[in-house]
Amino acid sequence: MILGWSGAAARCVVPLCLVLVAAAACTRAEAQPRPAAAEEAAKPFRWPAATEGGACLLLDFDVVEQVIGTSFDVAAKGQANETYSCVLQRAGAGAPDLTLAVSGTNADPGVFASTVVPKGSAPVAQLGIQAYAMAVPAAGGSGPGVEVGWLSGDNRLLVLRYWSAPRKPVDPGTLTPKMILLAQKVNAIGE
């Protein structure tokens, strides 16, 4: 007999104590989350931009972030006549945003240079048949940005534009080479 208890009582109390100790240990372990689980919870899931279809097929959130340094998590496609577009933004925010517009065209380099290329833009080498880049001023609740446009080798006109957040304006001089690199990546996917 253990401390005056009968054998049956001791056989019930000992397993009950073991269950309570195990439950207390599990509660303490759950109270301190693993670092990996905390990191995963901080980064929300995002569907790939390409799941939107249209011009979004040419954009990838991770590639955009690696090249220009801005993270986006929502994509939306659009279409007006034969022009397809895609806008990348952060959930719940209007700016910054990245827009890609794609149109089929019969324009040759001469027509592109005379009717599409904006005044004040700079020519860009190693992008499509002919290309330009330019800083765009703040407008419509967005900060300044950069636009890169090009005539691709497969008869398409593409325009990639980044607008910064009004409270965090970008330096177009710093962003332009990054946007040109992103445009080259988009062009390589599309051709």
N, C-alpha and C. Protein backbone atom coordinates (compact mmCIF):
# COMPACT_ATOMS: atom_id res chain seq x y z
N MET A 1 0.83 -1.16 0.00
CA MET A 1 0.00 0.00 0.00
C MET A 1 0.88 1.24 0.00
N ILE A 2 0.60 2.22 -0.90
CA ILE A 2 1.39 3.43 -1.01
C ILE A 2 0.73 4.50 -0.18
N LEU A 3 1.41 4.95 0.88
CA LEU A 3 0.92 5.99 1.78
C LEU A 3 -0.52 5.76 2.19
N GLY A 4 -0.90 4.60 2.42
CA GLY A 4 -2.22 4.28 2.91
C GLY A 4 -3.26 4.17 1.81
N TRP A 5 -2.85 4.27 0.57
CA TRP A 5 -3.83 4.16 -0.52
C TRP A 5 -3.95 2.71 -0.90
N SER A 6 -5.06 2.38 -1.40
CA SER A 6 -5.22 1.02 -1.87
C SER A 6 -4.58 0.89 -3.25
N GLY A 7 -4.30 -0.27 -3.68
CA GLY A 7 -3.65 -0.51 -4.98
C GLY A 7 -4.45 0.05 -6.14
N ALA A 8 -5.77 -0.03 -6.08
CA ALA A 8 -6.60 0.47 -7.18
C ALA A 8 -6.51 1.99 -7.28
N ALA A 9 -6.50 2.69 -6.15
CA ALA A 9 -6.42 4.14 -6.16
C ALA A 9 -5.07 4.59 -6.69
N ALA A 10 -4.00 3.93 -6.32
CA ALA A 10 -2.66 4.29 -6.77
C ALA A 10 -2.54 4.09 -8.28
N ARG A 11 -3.14 3.03 -8.78
CA ARG A 11 -3.08 2.77 -10.21
C ARG A 11 -3.83 3.84 -11.01
N CYS A 12 -4.80 4.50 -10.46
CA CYS A 12 -5.55 5.56 -11.15
C CYS A 12 -4.86 6.93 -11.01
N VAL A 13 -4.31 7.21 -9.84
CA VAL A 13 -3.73 8.52 -9.58
C VAL A 13 -2.42 8.70 -10.36
N VAL A 14 -1.57 7.71 -10.43
CA VAL A 14 -0.29 7.84 -11.10
C VAL A 14 -0.47 8.14 -12.59
N PRO A 15 -1.29 7.41 -13.33
CA PRO A 15 -1.48 7.77 -14.75
C PRO A 15 -2.10 9.16 -14.93
N LEU A 16 -3.00 9.55 -14.03
CA LEU A 16 -3.62 10.88 -14.10
C LEU A 16 -2.56 11.96 -13.92
N CYS A 17 -1.64 11.78 -13.00
CA CYS A 17 -0.56 12.75 -12.79
C CYS A 17 0.33 12.85 -14.04
N LEU A 18 0.63 11.71 -14.66
CA LEU A 18 1.45 11.72 -15.87
C LEU A 18 0.75 12.46 -17.01
N VAL A 19 -0.55 12.31 -17.15
CA VAL A 19 -1.31 13.02 -18.18
C VAL A 19 -1.27 14.52 -17.91
N LEU A 20 -1.43 14.95 -16.68
CA LEU A 20 -1.41 16.38 -16.34
C LEU A 20 -0.04 16.99 -16.59
N VAL A 21 1.03 16.26 -16.26
CA VAL A 21 2.39 16.76 -16.51
C VAL A 21 2.61 16.89 -18.02
N ALA A 22 2.19 15.92 -18.79
CA ALA A 22 2.36 15.97 -20.24
C ALA A 22 1.56 17.12 -20.84
N ALA A 23 0.35 17.35 -20.36
CA ALA A 23 -0.47 18.45 -20.86
C ALA A 23 0.16 19.79 -20.54
N ALA A 24 0.74 19.92 -19.35
CA ALA A 24 1.40 21.18 -18.99
C ALA A 24 2.62 21.42 -19.86
N ALA A 25 3.36 20.39 -20.17
CA ALA A 25 4.54 20.53 -21.03
C ALA A 25 4.14 20.95 -22.43
N CYS A 26 3.05 20.40 -22.96
CA CYS A 26 2.58 20.78 -24.29
C CYS A 26 2.12 22.22 -24.31
N THR A 27 1.46 22.67 -23.28
CA THR A 27 0.99 24.05 -23.22
C THR A 27 2.16 25.01 -23.23
N ARG A 28 3.21 24.73 -22.48
CA ARG A 28 4.39 25.60 -22.47
C ARG A 28 5.09 25.60 -23.82
N ALA A 29 5.17 24.47 -24.49
CA ALA A 29 5.84 24.40 -25.79
C ALA A 29 5.08 25.22 -26.82
N GLU A 30 3.74 25.20 -26.78
CA GLU A 30 2.95 25.96 -27.75
C GLU A 30 2.99 27.45 -27.47
N ALA A 31 3.27 27.85 -26.25
CA ALA A 31 3.27 29.26 -25.91
C ALA A 31 4.46 29.98 -26.54
N GLN A 32 5.49 29.26 -26.94
CA GLN A 32 6.67 29.86 -27.56
C GLN A 32 6.80 29.32 -28.98
N PRO A 33 6.27 30.07 -29.98
CA PRO A 33 6.30 29.56 -31.35
C PRO A 33 7.72 29.45 -31.88
N ARG A 34 7.88 28.53 -32.80
CA ARG A 34 9.17 28.36 -33.46
C ARG A 34 9.43 29.58 -34.33
N PRO A 35 10.67 30.01 -34.45
CA PRO A 35 10.99 31.17 -35.30
C PRO A 35 10.52 30.99 -36.74
N ALA A 36 10.66 29.81 -37.32
CA ALA A 36 10.25 29.59 -38.71
C ALA A 36 8.74 29.82 -38.87
N ALA A 37 7.95 29.34 -37.92
CA ALA A 37 6.50 29.53 -38.01
C ALA A 37 6.14 31.00 -37.90
N ALA A 38 6.84 31.75 -37.07
CA ALA A 38 6.57 33.18 -36.92
C ALA A 38 6.90 33.91 -38.22
N GLU A 39 7.99 33.53 -38.89
CA GLU A 39 8.37 34.18 -40.15
C GLU A 39 7.35 33.88 -41.24
N GLU A 40 6.86 32.63 -41.31
CA GLU A 40 5.87 32.26 -42.31
C GLU A 40 4.58 33.01 -42.10
N ALA A 41 4.19 33.21 -40.85
CA ALA A 41 2.96 33.92 -40.55
C ALA A 41 3.06 35.39 -40.93
N ALA A 42 4.26 35.97 -40.88
CA ALA A 42 4.44 37.38 -41.20
C ALA A 42 4.35 37.62 -42.70
N LYS A 43 4.66 36.65 -43.55
CA LYS A 43 4.63 36.80 -44.99
C LYS A 43 3.36 36.15 -45.54
N PRO A 44 2.38 36.97 -45.97
CA PRO A 44 1.12 36.39 -46.44
C PRO A 44 1.29 35.68 -47.78
N PHE A 45 0.44 34.73 -48.02
CA PHE A 45 0.44 34.01 -49.28
C PHE A 45 -0.01 34.94 -50.41
N ARG A 46 0.59 34.82 -51.56
CA ARG A 46 0.14 35.59 -52.71
C ARG A 46 0.11 34.67 -53.92
N TRP A 47 -0.97 34.76 -54.70
CA TRP A 47 -1.07 34.00 -55.93
C TRP A 47 -0.08 34.58 -56.92
N PRO A 48 0.53 33.79 -57.78
CA PRO A 48 1.43 34.34 -58.80
C PRO A 48 0.67 35.33 -59.70
N ALA A 49 1.35 36.38 -60.13
CA ALA A 49 0.72 37.37 -61.00
C ALA A 49 0.18 36.71 -62.27
N ALA A 50 0.87 35.72 -62.78
CA ALA A 50 0.47 35.06 -64.02
C ALA A 50 -0.90 34.40 -63.93
N THR A 51 -1.40 34.10 -62.74
CA THR A 51 -2.72 33.49 -62.62
C THR A 51 -3.82 34.42 -63.10
N GLU A 52 -3.54 35.72 -63.20
CA GLU A 52 -4.52 36.67 -63.74
C GLU A 52 -4.67 36.54 -65.25
N GLY A 53 -3.63 36.02 -65.92
CA GLY A 53 -3.68 35.91 -67.38
C GLY A 53 -3.36 37.23 -68.04
N GLY A 54 -3.63 37.32 -69.34
CA GLY A 54 -3.37 38.55 -70.10
C GLY A 54 -1.91 38.97 -69.99
N ALA A 55 -1.68 40.28 -69.87
CA ALA A 55 -0.31 40.80 -69.76
C ALA A 55 0.37 40.38 -68.47
N CYS A 56 -0.40 39.94 -67.49
CA CYS A 56 0.19 39.48 -66.22
C CYS A 56 1.02 38.21 -66.40
N LEU A 57 0.81 37.51 -67.51
CA LEU A 57 1.63 36.33 -67.80
C LEU A 57 3.10 36.69 -67.94
N LEU A 58 3.40 37.96 -68.23
CA LEU A 58 4.77 38.40 -68.44
C LEU A 58 5.44 38.93 -67.17
N LEU A 59 4.72 38.98 -66.06
CA LEU A 59 5.26 39.53 -64.81
C LEU A 59 5.30 38.49 -63.72
N ASP A 60 6.33 38.56 -62.90
CA ASP A 60 6.49 37.66 -61.76
C ASP A 60 6.86 38.50 -60.54
N PHE A 61 6.10 38.35 -59.45
CA PHE A 61 6.34 39.16 -58.24
C PHE A 61 7.79 39.09 -57.77
N ASP A 62 8.35 37.88 -57.72
CA ASP A 62 9.70 37.71 -57.20
C ASP A 62 10.74 38.37 -58.11
N VAL A 63 10.57 38.23 -59.42
CA VAL A 63 11.51 38.85 -60.36
C VAL A 63 11.43 40.37 -60.23
N VAL A 64 10.22 40.91 -60.17
CA VAL A 64 10.06 42.36 -60.03
C VAL A 64 10.75 42.84 -58.76
N GLU A 65 10.54 42.14 -57.66
CA GLU A 65 11.16 42.54 -56.39
C GLU A 65 12.69 42.47 -56.47
N GLN A 66 13.21 41.41 -57.08
CA GLN A 66 14.67 41.26 -57.19
C GLN A 66 15.28 42.36 -58.06
N VAL A 67 14.59 42.75 -59.12
CA VAL A 67 15.16 43.71 -60.07
C VAL A 67 14.99 45.15 -59.60
N ILE A 68 13.76 45.53 -59.21
CA ILE A 68 13.55 46.94 -58.87
C ILE A 68 13.49 47.22 -57.38
N GLY A 69 13.40 46.16 -56.57
CA GLY A 69 13.45 46.35 -55.12
C GLY A 69 12.13 46.69 -54.47
N THR A 70 11.03 46.55 -55.18
CA THR A 70 9.71 46.81 -54.61
C THR A 70 8.92 45.52 -54.59
N SER A 71 8.30 45.22 -53.47
CA SER A 71 7.50 44.02 -53.32
C SER A 71 6.03 44.33 -53.59
N PHE A 72 5.42 43.56 -54.48
CA PHE A 72 3.99 43.67 -54.76
C PHE A 72 3.34 42.35 -54.41
N ASP A 73 2.03 42.38 -54.11
CA ASP A 73 1.36 41.13 -53.77
C ASP A 73 0.00 40.94 -54.40
N VAL A 74 -0.48 41.89 -55.19
CA VAL A 74 -1.73 41.69 -55.93
C VAL A 74 -1.52 42.10 -57.39
N ALA A 75 -2.22 41.40 -58.28
CA ALA A 75 -2.15 41.69 -59.71
C ALA A 75 -3.56 41.76 -60.26
N ALA A 76 -3.75 42.63 -61.25
CA ALA A 76 -5.04 42.74 -61.92
C ALA A 76 -4.80 42.96 -63.40
N LYS A 77 -5.55 42.23 -64.22
CA LYS A 77 -5.41 42.38 -65.66
C LYS A 77 -6.52 43.27 -66.19
N GLY A 78 -6.29 43.77 -67.39
CA GLY A 78 -7.29 44.57 -68.07
C GLY A 78 -7.15 44.40 -69.56
N GLN A 79 -8.21 44.81 -70.30
CA GLN A 79 -8.16 44.76 -71.75
C GLN A 79 -9.05 45.86 -72.29
N ALA A 80 -8.51 46.63 -73.22
CA ALA A 80 -9.27 47.63 -73.96
C ALA A 80 -8.94 47.42 -75.43
N ASN A 81 -9.93 46.99 -76.20
CA ASN A 81 -9.72 46.62 -77.60
C ASN A 81 -8.61 45.58 -77.68
N GLU A 82 -7.53 45.87 -78.38
CA GLU A 82 -6.44 44.90 -78.53
C GLU A 82 -5.25 45.21 -77.62
N THR A 83 -5.46 46.02 -76.60
CA THR A 83 -4.39 46.33 -75.65
C THR A 83 -4.66 45.58 -74.35
N TYR A 84 -3.69 44.82 -73.92
CA TYR A 84 -3.79 44.04 -72.69
C TYR A 84 -2.89 44.70 -71.65
N SER A 85 -3.36 44.75 -70.41
CA SER A 85 -2.56 45.40 -69.37
C SER A 85 -2.56 44.57 -68.10
N CYS A 86 -1.60 44.89 -67.25
CA CYS A 86 -1.49 44.26 -65.94
C CYS A 86 -0.97 45.30 -64.97
N VAL A 87 -1.57 45.37 -63.79
CA VAL A 87 -1.13 46.29 -62.75
C VAL A 87 -0.75 45.47 -61.53
N LEU A 88 0.44 45.73 -60.99
CA LEU A 88 0.88 45.13 -59.73
C LEU A 88 0.83 46.20 -58.65
N GLN A 89 0.28 45.85 -57.49
CA GLN A 89 0.21 46.76 -56.35
C GLN A 89 0.40 45.98 -55.07
N ARG A 90 0.48 46.73 -53.99
CA ARG A 90 0.45 46.12 -52.65
C ARG A 90 -1.00 46.10 -52.21
N ALA A 91 -1.39 45.07 -51.48
CA ALA A 91 -2.77 44.96 -51.01
C ALA A 91 -3.13 46.18 -50.18
N GLY A 92 -4.24 46.81 -50.52
CA GLY A 92 -4.74 47.95 -49.77
C GLY A 92 -4.04 49.26 -50.04
N ALA A 93 -3.16 49.32 -51.03
CA ALA A 93 -2.44 50.56 -51.33
C ALA A 93 -2.54 50.87 -52.81
N GLY A 94 -2.65 52.14 -53.15
CA GLY A 94 -2.73 52.55 -54.55
C GLY A 94 -1.36 52.70 -55.18
N ALA A 95 -0.40 53.16 -54.43
CA ALA A 95 0.95 53.36 -54.96
C ALA A 95 1.94 52.89 -53.91
N PRO A 96 3.05 52.34 -54.30
CA PRO A 96 3.55 52.28 -55.65
C PRO A 96 2.79 51.25 -56.48
N ASP A 97 2.90 51.41 -57.80
CA ASP A 97 2.36 50.38 -58.68
C ASP A 97 3.21 50.26 -59.92
N LEU A 98 3.08 49.12 -60.55
CA LEU A 98 3.81 48.81 -61.77
C LEU A 98 2.78 48.38 -62.80
N THR A 99 2.81 49.02 -63.97
CA THR A 99 1.84 48.71 -65.02
C THR A 99 2.57 48.27 -66.28
N LEU A 100 2.05 47.23 -66.91
CA LEU A 100 2.55 46.77 -68.19
C LEU A 100 1.39 46.79 -69.17
N ALA A 101 1.57 47.44 -70.31
CA ALA A 101 0.58 47.45 -71.39
C ALA A 101 1.21 46.84 -72.63
N VAL A 102 0.44 45.96 -73.30
CA VAL A 102 0.93 45.25 -74.48
C VAL A 102 -0.10 45.36 -75.59
N SER A 103 0.34 45.81 -76.78
CA SER A 103 -0.55 45.92 -77.94
C SER A 103 0.15 45.35 -79.16
N GLY A 104 -0.62 44.68 -80.00
CA GLY A 104 -0.09 44.28 -81.29
C GLY A 104 0.05 45.52 -82.16
N THR A 105 1.03 45.54 -83.07
CA THR A 105 1.23 46.71 -83.91
C THR A 105 1.83 46.32 -85.26
N ASN A 106 1.58 47.17 -86.25
CA ASN A 106 2.22 47.03 -87.55
C ASN A 106 3.29 48.10 -87.73
N ALA A 107 3.56 48.87 -86.66
CA ALA A 107 4.53 49.97 -86.74
C ALA A 107 5.93 49.44 -87.00
N ASP A 108 6.64 50.17 -87.85
CA ASP A 108 8.04 49.86 -88.07
C ASP A 108 8.86 50.82 -87.20
N PRO A 109 10.18 50.69 -87.14
CA PRO A 109 10.98 51.57 -86.29
C PRO A 109 10.79 53.06 -86.59
N GLY A 110 10.57 53.42 -87.87
CA GLY A 110 10.35 54.82 -88.22
C GLY A 110 9.06 55.36 -87.63
N VAL A 111 7.99 54.59 -87.74
CA VAL A 111 6.71 55.00 -87.17
C VAL A 111 6.80 55.03 -85.64
N PHE A 112 7.46 54.05 -85.08
CA PHE A 112 7.63 54.02 -83.63
C PHE A 112 8.34 55.29 -83.15
N ALA A 113 9.43 55.64 -83.83
CA ALA A 113 10.22 56.81 -83.44
C ALA A 113 9.43 58.11 -83.61
N SER A 114 8.61 58.20 -84.65
CA SER A 114 7.92 59.46 -84.91
C SER A 114 6.59 59.62 -84.19
N THR A 115 5.93 58.52 -83.84
CA THR A 115 4.60 58.65 -83.23
C THR A 115 4.48 58.10 -81.82
N VAL A 116 5.36 57.21 -81.41
CA VAL A 116 5.23 56.58 -80.09
C VAL A 116 6.22 57.15 -79.08
N VAL A 117 7.45 57.33 -79.49
CA VAL A 117 8.50 57.77 -78.56
C VAL A 117 8.20 59.20 -78.08
N PRO A 118 8.04 59.39 -76.75
CA PRO A 118 7.74 60.74 -76.23
C PRO A 118 8.94 61.67 -76.34
N LYS A 119 8.65 62.96 -76.51
CA LYS A 119 9.73 63.96 -76.53
C LYS A 119 10.38 63.98 -75.16
N GLY A 120 11.69 64.13 -75.15
CA GLY A 120 12.43 64.18 -73.90
C GLY A 120 12.85 62.83 -73.37
N SER A 121 12.47 61.76 -74.06
CA SER A 121 12.88 60.43 -73.61
C SER A 121 14.27 60.12 -74.16
N ALA A 122 14.91 59.13 -73.56
CA ALA A 122 16.25 58.71 -73.98
C ALA A 122 16.16 57.36 -74.68
N PRO A 123 16.92 57.15 -75.75
CA PRO A 123 16.90 55.84 -76.41
C PRO A 123 17.52 54.78 -75.51
N VAL A 124 17.04 53.56 -75.66
CA VAL A 124 17.54 52.43 -74.87
C VAL A 124 18.06 51.37 -75.84
N ALA A 125 19.29 50.95 -75.64
CA ALA A 125 19.90 49.90 -76.47
C ALA A 125 19.56 48.53 -75.88
N GLN A 126 19.65 47.51 -76.67
CA GLN A 126 19.50 46.11 -76.27
C GLN A 126 18.13 45.81 -75.66
N LEU A 127 17.09 46.42 -76.24
CA LEU A 127 15.72 46.13 -75.83
C LEU A 127 14.83 46.19 -77.06
N GLY A 128 14.35 45.03 -77.49
CA GLY A 128 13.50 44.96 -78.67
C GLY A 128 14.19 45.51 -79.90
N ILE A 129 13.39 46.00 -80.85
CA ILE A 129 13.92 46.60 -82.07
C ILE A 129 14.34 48.04 -81.80
N GLN A 130 13.52 48.72 -81.02
CA GLN A 130 13.79 50.11 -80.66
C GLN A 130 13.09 50.37 -79.34
N ALA A 131 13.71 51.20 -78.47
CA ALA A 131 13.14 51.43 -77.15
C ALA A 131 13.52 52.81 -76.62
N TYR A 132 12.77 53.23 -75.60
CA TYR A 132 13.03 54.52 -74.94
C TYR A 132 12.79 54.36 -73.44
N ALA A 133 13.33 55.30 -72.68
CA ALA A 133 13.08 55.37 -71.23
C ALA A 133 12.95 56.84 -70.88
N MET A 134 12.12 57.14 -69.89
CA MET A 134 11.96 58.52 -69.45
C MET A 134 11.41 58.57 -68.03
N ALA A 135 11.73 59.65 -67.35
CA ALA A 135 11.15 59.91 -66.03
C ALA A 135 9.75 60.47 -66.26
N VAL A 136 8.82 60.08 -65.40
CA VAL A 136 7.46 60.64 -65.48
C VAL A 136 7.19 61.40 -64.18
N PRO A 137 6.60 62.58 -64.31
CA PRO A 137 6.36 63.39 -63.11
C PRO A 137 5.23 62.83 -62.26
N ALA A 138 5.18 63.24 -61.01
CA ALA A 138 4.10 62.84 -60.10
C ALA A 138 2.77 63.29 -60.70
N ALA A 139 1.76 62.45 -60.53
CA ALA A 139 0.43 62.78 -61.06
C ALA A 139 -0.62 61.89 -60.41
N GLY A 140 -1.83 62.43 -60.26
CA GLY A 140 -2.97 61.63 -59.82
C GLY A 140 -2.79 60.92 -58.49
N GLY A 141 -2.15 61.53 -57.53
CA GLY A 141 -1.97 60.91 -56.23
C GLY A 141 -0.78 59.98 -56.13
N SER A 142 0.02 59.90 -57.18
CA SER A 142 1.22 59.08 -57.18
C SER A 142 2.44 59.97 -57.25
N GLY A 143 3.54 59.45 -56.76
CA GLY A 143 4.81 60.16 -56.85
C GLY A 143 5.40 60.00 -58.23
N PRO A 144 6.60 60.51 -58.45
CA PRO A 144 7.24 60.38 -59.76
C PRO A 144 7.56 58.93 -60.09
N GLY A 145 7.85 58.68 -61.35
CA GLY A 145 8.14 57.32 -61.76
C GLY A 145 9.01 57.27 -62.99
N VAL A 146 9.00 56.09 -63.61
CA VAL A 146 9.81 55.83 -64.80
C VAL A 146 8.97 55.02 -65.78
N GLU A 147 9.11 55.35 -67.07
CA GLU A 147 8.43 54.62 -68.13
C GLU A 147 9.47 54.10 -69.11
N VAL A 148 9.30 52.85 -69.51
CA VAL A 148 10.14 52.24 -70.54
C VAL A 148 9.18 51.68 -71.58
N GLY A 149 9.39 52.07 -72.84
CA GLY A 149 8.55 51.56 -73.93
C GLY A 149 9.42 50.98 -75.01
N TRP A 150 8.90 49.96 -75.71
CA TRP A 150 9.70 49.35 -76.76
C TRP A 150 8.83 48.66 -77.81
N LEU A 151 9.42 48.54 -78.98
CA LEU A 151 8.85 47.81 -80.11
C LEU A 151 9.56 46.46 -80.12
N SER A 152 8.79 45.40 -79.90
CA SER A 152 9.42 44.07 -79.81
C SER A 152 9.62 43.48 -81.19
N GLY A 153 10.40 42.42 -81.23
CA GLY A 153 10.68 41.73 -82.48
C GLY A 153 9.50 40.94 -83.02
N ASP A 154 8.45 40.77 -82.21
CA ASP A 154 7.28 40.02 -82.67
C ASP A 154 6.06 40.93 -82.85
N ASN A 155 6.31 42.15 -83.31
CA ASN A 155 5.26 43.11 -83.66
C ASN A 155 4.33 43.48 -82.51
N ARG A 156 4.94 43.79 -81.38
CA ARG A 156 4.16 44.27 -80.24
C ARG A 156 4.78 45.56 -79.71
N LEU A 157 3.92 46.40 -79.21
CA LEU A 157 4.33 47.63 -78.53
C LEU A 157 4.11 47.38 -77.05
N LEU A 158 5.15 47.55 -76.22
CA LEU A 158 5.05 47.32 -74.78
C LEU A 158 5.47 48.58 -74.04
N VAL A 159 4.74 48.90 -72.99
CA VAL A 159 5.07 50.04 -72.13
C VAL A 159 5.02 49.56 -70.69
N LEU A 160 6.12 49.75 -69.98
CA LEU A 160 6.25 49.37 -68.58
C LEU A 160 6.44 50.65 -67.78
N ARG A 161 5.55 50.89 -66.80
CA ARG A 161 5.61 52.15 -66.05
C ARG A 161 5.52 51.86 -64.55
N TYR A 162 6.38 52.54 -63.81
CA TYR A 162 6.40 52.45 -62.34
C TYR A 162 6.04 53.82 -61.77
N TRP A 163 5.06 53.85 -60.87
CA TRP A 163 4.71 55.07 -60.13
C TRP A 163 5.07 54.83 -58.67
N SER A 164 5.77 55.77 -58.08
CA SER A 164 6.14 55.63 -56.66
C SER A 164 5.02 56.14 -55.77
N ALA A 165 5.13 55.81 -54.49
CA ALA A 165 4.18 56.32 -53.51
C ALA A 165 4.48 57.80 -53.31
N PRO A 166 3.45 58.64 -53.11
CA PRO A 166 3.69 60.08 -52.98
C PRO A 166 4.58 60.44 -51.79
N ARG A 167 4.51 59.67 -50.73
CA ARG A 167 5.32 59.97 -49.55
C ARG A 167 6.70 59.32 -49.59
N LYS A 168 6.91 58.46 -50.57
CA LYS A 168 8.21 57.81 -50.75
C LYS A 168 8.60 57.88 -52.23
N PRO A 169 8.86 59.10 -52.72
CA PRO A 169 9.19 59.23 -54.14
C PRO A 169 10.51 58.55 -54.48
N VAL A 170 10.57 58.04 -55.70
CA VAL A 170 11.80 57.39 -56.17
C VAL A 170 12.65 58.39 -56.92
N ASP A 171 13.92 58.07 -57.04
CA ASP A 171 14.83 58.86 -57.85
C ASP A 171 14.83 58.22 -59.24
N PRO A 172 14.26 58.89 -60.24
CA PRO A 172 14.21 58.30 -61.58
C PRO A 172 15.58 57.89 -62.12
N GLY A 173 16.62 58.63 -61.77
CA GLY A 173 17.97 58.28 -62.23
C GLY A 173 18.42 56.93 -61.72
N THR A 174 18.04 56.60 -60.49
CA THR A 174 18.40 55.31 -59.90
C THR A 174 17.49 54.19 -60.40
N LEU A 175 16.22 54.51 -60.60
CA LEU A 175 15.24 53.50 -61.00
C LEU A 175 15.32 53.13 -62.48
N THR A 176 15.70 54.06 -63.33
CA THR A 176 15.68 53.81 -64.78
C THR A 176 16.49 52.58 -65.20
N PRO A 177 17.74 52.41 -64.76
CA PRO A 177 18.46 51.18 -65.18
C PRO A 177 17.78 49.90 -64.70
N LYS A 178 17.16 49.95 -63.54
CA LYS A 178 16.45 48.78 -63.02
C LYS A 178 15.22 48.47 -63.87
N MET A 179 14.51 49.52 -64.27
CA MET A 179 13.33 49.33 -65.11
C MET A 179 13.72 48.80 -66.50
N ILE A 180 14.84 49.26 -67.02
CA ILE A 180 15.31 48.74 -68.31
C ILE A 180 15.64 47.26 -68.19
N LEU A 181 16.29 46.87 -67.11
CA LEU A 181 16.60 45.45 -66.89
C LEU A 181 15.31 44.63 -66.78
N LEU A 182 14.32 45.15 -66.05
CA LEU A 182 13.04 44.44 -65.93
C LEU A 182 12.37 44.34 -67.29
N ALA A 183 12.41 45.42 -68.09
CA ALA A 183 11.82 45.38 -69.44
C ALA A 183 12.52 44.32 -70.30
N GLN A 184 13.82 44.19 -70.18
CA GLN A 184 14.55 43.16 -70.93
C GLN A 184 14.08 41.76 -70.53
N LYS A 185 13.84 41.57 -69.25
CA LYS A 185 13.35 40.26 -68.78
C LYS A 185 11.94 39.99 -69.30
N VAL A 186 11.08 41.01 -69.26
CA VAL A 186 9.71 40.88 -69.79
C VAL A 186 9.77 40.56 -71.28
N ASN A 187 10.62 41.26 -72.01
CA ASN A 187 10.74 41.05 -73.46
C ASN A 187 11.21 39.63 -73.76
N ALA A 188 12.15 39.12 -72.96
CA ALA A 188 12.65 37.75 -73.18
C ALA A 188 11.56 36.71 -72.96
N ILE A 189 10.66 36.95 -72.00
CA ILE A 189 9.56 36.02 -71.74
C ILE A 189 8.57 36.05 -72.90
N GLY A 190 8.30 37.25 -73.40
CA GLY A 190 7.28 37.42 -74.44
C GLY A 190 7.66 36.95 -75.82
N GLU A 191 8.94 36.93 -76.12
CA GLU A 191 9.34 36.55 -77.49
C GLU A 191 9.58 35.10 -77.65
